Amino acid sequence: MKTLEDFKKEAFKRPGVRKAYEEMQPEMKIIRALIISRNKKGMSQRKLAQKIGVTQSALARFEAGNINPTLSFIKKVTSGLGLKLIVR
């Protein structure tokens, strides 16, 4: 079984993979921070989804990075977690 690092080393050899990975990092950092915040607050996806008025599956797709979220969706999530979104 390969480790994640081994997989990344192998994948980065293919043209365009490293660039695509690096371009995704800002979104992934935001998602990761929101997941960590949700977990620290002891909130399930279902509870947060109900609080912000979306389905649990929509929130799960967002957290998995399977959608390209709108700014308004990210604002809903941050607000539901009691956070403030600041864009610089």
C-alpha atoms as a PDB file:
ATOM      1  CA  MET A   1       0.000   0.000   0.000  1.00  0.00           C
ATOM      2  CA  LYS A   2       1.326   3.441  -0.956  1.00  0.00           C
ATOM      3  CA  THR A   3       1.511   6.333   1.427  1.00  0.00           C
ATOM      4  CA  LEU A   4      -0.019   9.660   0.441  1.00  0.00           C
ATOM      5  CA  GLU A   5       3.464  11.094  -0.036  1.00  0.00           C
ATOM      6  CA  ASP A   6       4.449   8.239  -2.362  1.00  0.00           C
ATOM      7  CA  PHE A   7       1.257   8.709  -4.340  1.00  0.00           C
ATOM      8  CA  LYS A   8       1.856  12.469  -4.653  1.00  0.00           C
ATOM      9  CA  LYS A   9       5.466  11.983  -5.780  1.00  0.00           C
ATOM     10  CA  GLU A  10       4.320   9.589  -8.478  1.00  0.00           C
ATOM     11  CA  ALA A  11       1.347  11.718  -9.539  1.00  0.00           C
ATOM     12  CA  PHE A  12       3.403  14.925  -9.728  1.00  0.00           C
ATOM     13  CA  LYS A  13       5.508  13.328 -12.465  1.00  0.00           C
ATOM     14  CA  ARG A  14       2.510  13.563 -14.805  1.00  0.00           C
ATOM     15  CA  PRO A  15       2.185  16.829 -16.752  1.00  0.00           C
ATOM     16  CA  GLY A  16      -0.123  19.379 -15.160  1.00  0.00           C
ATOM     17  CA  VAL A  17      -0.803  17.472 -11.944  1.00  0.00           C
ATOM     18  CA  ARG A  18       1.456  19.568  -9.708  1.00  0.00           C
ATOM     19  CA  LYS A  19       0.044  22.817 -11.127  1.00  0.00           C
ATOM     20  CA  ALA A  20      -3.561  21.660 -10.630  1.00  0.00           C
ATOM     21  CA  TYR A  21      -2.741  20.515  -7.077  1.00  0.00           C
ATOM     22  CA  GLU A  22      -1.141  23.849  -6.204  1.00  0.00           C
ATOM     23  CA  GLU A  23      -4.070  25.783  -7.684  1.00  0.00           C
ATOM     24  CA  MET A  24      -6.483  23.842  -5.427  1.00  0.00           C
ATOM     25  CA  GLN A  25      -4.589  24.552  -2.211  1.00  0.00           C
ATOM     26  CA  PRO A  26      -6.291  27.847  -1.246  1.00  0.00           C
ATOM     27  CA  GLU A  27      -9.747  26.218  -1.446  1.00  0.00           C
ATOM     28  CA  MET A  28      -8.568  23.120   0.379  1.00  0.00           C
ATOM     29  CA  LYS A  29      -7.067  25.212   3.194  1.00  0.00           C
ATOM     30  CA  ILE A  30     -10.388  27.022   3.670  1.00  0.00           C
ATOM     31  CA  ILE A  31     -12.337  23.757   3.663  1.00  0.00           C
ATOM     32  CA  ARG A  32      -9.877  22.111   6.065  1.00  0.00           C
ATOM     33  CA  ALA A  33     -10.103  25.080   8.472  1.00  0.00           C
ATOM     34  CA  LEU A  34     -13.905  24.972   8.431  1.00  0.00           C
ATOM     35  CA  ILE A  35     -13.983  21.214   9.043  1.00  0.00           C
ATOM     36  CA  ILE A  36     -11.597  21.618  11.976  1.00  0.00           C
ATOM     37  CA  SER A  37     -13.744  24.431  13.392  1.00  0.00           C
ATOM     38  CA  ARG A  38     -16.924  22.369  13.014  1.00  0.00           C
ATOM     39  CA  ASN A  39     -15.304  19.413  14.765  1.00  0.00           C
ATOM     40  CA  LYS A  40     -13.940  21.587  17.597  1.00  0.00           C
ATOM     41  CA  LYS A  41     -17.467  22.880  18.191  1.00  0.00           C
ATOM     42  CA  GLY A  42     -18.745  19.297  18.301  1.00  0.00           C
ATOM     43  CA  MET A  43     -21.126  19.874  15.401  1.00  0.00           C
ATOM     44  CA  SER A  44     -22.095  17.137  13.002  1.00  0.00           C
ATOM     45  CA  GLN A  45     -22.517  17.880   9.322  1.00  0.00           C
ATOM     46  CA  ARG A  46     -26.245  17.324   9.757  1.00  0.00           C
ATOM     47  CA  LYS A  47     -26.519  19.830  12.619  1.00  0.00           C
ATOM     48  CA  LEU A  48     -24.539  22.511  10.780  1.00  0.00           C
ATOM     49  CA  ALA A  49     -26.471  21.895   7.557  1.00  0.00           C
ATOM     50  CA  GLN A  50     -29.793  22.324   9.364  1.00  0.00           C
ATOM     51  CA  LYS A  51     -28.543  25.495  11.021  1.00  0.00           C
ATOM     52  CA  ILE A  52     -27.528  27.104   7.709  1.00  0.00           C
ATOM     53  CA  GLY A  53     -30.444  25.786   5.650  1.00  0.00           C
ATOM     54  CA  VAL A  54     -28.708  23.352   3.312  1.00  0.00           C
ATOM     55  CA  THR A  55     -28.819  19.587   3.021  1.00  0.00           C
ATOM     56  CA  GLN A  56     -26.269  17.443   4.808  1.00  0.00           C
ATOM     57  CA  SER A  57     -25.237  15.991   1.443  1.00  0.00           C
ATOM     58  CA  ALA A  58     -24.506  19.495   0.070  1.00  0.00           C
ATOM     59  CA  LEU A  59     -22.306  20.211   3.077  1.00  0.00           C
ATOM     60  CA  ALA A  60     -20.588  16.827   2.690  1.00  0.00           C
ATOM     61  CA  ARG A  61     -19.848  17.549  -0.988  1.00  0.00           C
ATOM     62  CA  PHE A  62     -18.396  20.925   0.021  1.00  0.00           C
ATOM     63  CA  GLU A  63     -16.213  19.395   2.742  1.00  0.00           C
ATOM     64  CA  ALA A  64     -15.003  16.694   0.350  1.00  0.00           C
ATOM     65  CA  GLY A  65     -14.000  19.351  -2.175  1.00  0.00           C
ATOM     66  CA  ASN A  66     -16.373  17.910  -4.755  1.00  0.00           C
ATOM     67  CA  ILE A  67     -18.028  21.225  -5.604  1.00  0.00           C
ATOM     68  CA  ASN A  68     -16.846  24.701  -6.436  1.00  0.00           C
ATOM     69  CA  PRO A  69     -18.669  26.641  -3.710  1.00  0.00           C
ATOM     70  CA  THR A  70     -19.955  30.156  -4.140  1.00  0.00           C
ATOM     71  CA  LEU A  71     -18.825  32.888  -1.822  1.00  0.00           C
ATOM     72  CA  SER A  72     -22.339  33.029  -0.380  1.00  0.00           C
ATOM     73  CA  PHE A  73     -22.177  29.298   0.478  1.00  0.00           C
ATOM     74  CA  ILE A  74     -18.842  29.767   2.268  1.00  0.00           C
ATOM     75  CA  LYS A  75     -20.325  32.754   4.130  1.00  0.00           C
ATOM     76  CA  LYS A  76     -23.265  30.569   5.244  1.00  0.00           C
ATOM     77  CA  VAL A  77     -20.904  27.926   6.584  1.00  0.00           C
ATOM     78  CA  THR A  78     -18.675  30.409   8.404  1.00  0.00           C
ATOM     79  CA  SER A  79     -21.689  32.193   9.872  1.00  0.00           C
ATOM     80  CA  GLY A  80     -23.188  28.891  11.008  1.00  0.00           C
ATOM     81  CA  LEU A  81     -19.942  28.161  12.827  1.00  0.00           C
ATOM     82  CA  GLY A  82     -19.958  31.570  14.499  1.00  0.00           C
ATOM     83  CA  LEU A  83     -17.004  32.727  12.420  1.00  0.00           C
ATOM     84  CA  LYS A  84     -16.491  35.831  10.323  1.00  0.00           C
ATOM     85  CA  LEU A  85     -15.265  35.533   6.754  1.00  0.00           C
ATOM     86  CA  ILE A  86     -12.652  38.129   5.825  1.00  0.00           C
ATOM     87  CA  VAL A  87     -11.348  38.238   2.246  1.00  0.00           C
ATOM     88  CA  ARG A  88      -8.078  40.067   1.661  1.00  0.00           C
END
